[in-house]
Amino acid sequence: MPVYIENNHHNNISQYLSACEAPKGFSAGQIIAKIKFWANRSRQRKQLARLDAYMLADIGKTAEQAKAEIAKPFWK
């Protein structure tokens, strides 16, 4: 069953997941929190991809470090 996400309306996710049965050992709240965490991580990596070398140096990262971070899947 797909999860429908539109314009970062997390209440849509909450409503959808609360209607579903949570996997054994996980509450719907924990699942929602994990999805929000992954979405935030993905957003941060997209922002990191837009930084130039000067901005990366300002935050103490090299271009190679940024590329390695950007290449990771959202769940890692």
Protein backbone atom coordinates (compact mmCIF):
# COMPACT_ATOMS: atom_id res chain seq x y z
CA MET A 1 0.00 0.00 0.00
CA PRO A 2 1.67 3.29 -1.09
CA VAL A 3 1.98 6.28 1.20
CA TYR A 4 0.76 9.47 -0.47
CA ILE A 5 2.81 12.58 0.39
CA GLU A 6 1.91 15.99 -1.02
CA ASN A 7 3.60 19.30 -0.23
CA ASN A 8 5.04 18.06 3.09
CA HIS A 9 1.62 17.78 4.70
CA HIS A 10 2.61 15.41 7.48
CA ASN A 11 -0.98 15.20 8.66
CA ASN A 12 -1.74 13.20 5.49
CA ILE A 13 0.90 10.68 6.54
CA SER A 14 -0.43 10.61 10.09
CA GLN A 15 -3.98 10.00 8.93
CA TYR A 16 -2.92 7.30 6.48
CA LEU A 17 -0.64 5.44 8.88
CA SER A 18 -2.99 5.66 11.85
CA ALA A 19 -5.55 3.81 9.73
CA CYS A 20 -3.02 1.06 9.01
CA GLU A 21 -1.90 -1.60 11.42
CA ALA A 22 1.61 -0.89 12.69
CA PRO A 23 4.17 -3.68 12.28
CA LYS A 24 4.61 -5.81 15.40
CA GLY A 25 6.74 -3.98 17.96
CA PHE A 26 6.25 -0.52 16.44
CA SER A 27 3.56 2.04 17.13
CA ALA A 28 2.07 4.23 14.43
CA GLY A 29 3.69 7.21 16.18
CA GLN A 30 7.13 5.61 15.93
CA ILE A 31 6.62 4.92 12.24
CA ILE A 32 5.48 8.49 11.59
CA ALA A 33 8.47 9.84 13.51
CA LYS A 34 10.85 7.68 11.45
CA ILE A 35 9.29 8.85 8.16
CA LYS A 36 9.62 12.48 9.26
CA PHE A 37 13.25 11.85 10.26
CA TRP A 38 14.01 10.31 6.86
CA ALA A 39 12.27 13.18 5.02
CA ASN A 40 14.31 15.72 7.00
CA ARG A 41 17.56 13.85 6.29
CA SER A 42 16.72 13.77 2.57
CA ARG A 43 15.98 17.52 2.59
CA GLN A 44 19.27 18.27 4.34
CA ARG A 45 21.24 16.25 1.80
CA LYS A 46 19.54 18.10 -1.06
CA GLN A 47 20.56 21.38 0.58
CA LEU A 48 24.12 20.09 1.04
CA ALA A 49 24.26 19.32 -2.68
CA ARG A 50 23.62 22.99 -3.46
CA LEU A 51 26.57 24.30 -1.43
CA ASP A 52 29.68 25.51 -3.25
CA ALA A 53 33.27 24.81 -2.13
CA TYR A 54 33.44 28.04 -0.09
CA MET A 55 30.25 27.21 1.82
CA LEU A 56 31.39 23.61 2.39
CA ALA A 57 34.69 24.87 3.81
CA ASP A 58 32.71 27.18 6.10
CA ILE A 59 30.98 24.16 7.68
CA GLY A 60 34.21 22.14 7.78
CA LYS A 61 33.47 19.74 4.92
CA THR A 62 35.27 18.95 1.70
CA ALA A 63 33.59 18.38 -1.64
CA GLU A 64 34.48 14.68 -1.38
CA GLN A 65 32.85 14.40 2.06
CA ALA A 66 29.74 16.15 0.76
CA LYS A 67 29.54 13.84 -2.27
CA ALA A 68 29.84 10.79 -0.03
CA GLU A 69 27.05 12.05 2.23
CA ILE A 70 24.78 12.97 -0.68
CA ALA A 71 25.24 9.53 -2.25
CA LYS A 72 23.85 7.74 0.82
CA PRO A 73 20.27 6.46 0.70
CA PHE A 74 17.80 8.36 2.90
CA TRP A 75 17.59 5.54 5.45
CA LYS A 76 21.34 5.60 6.20
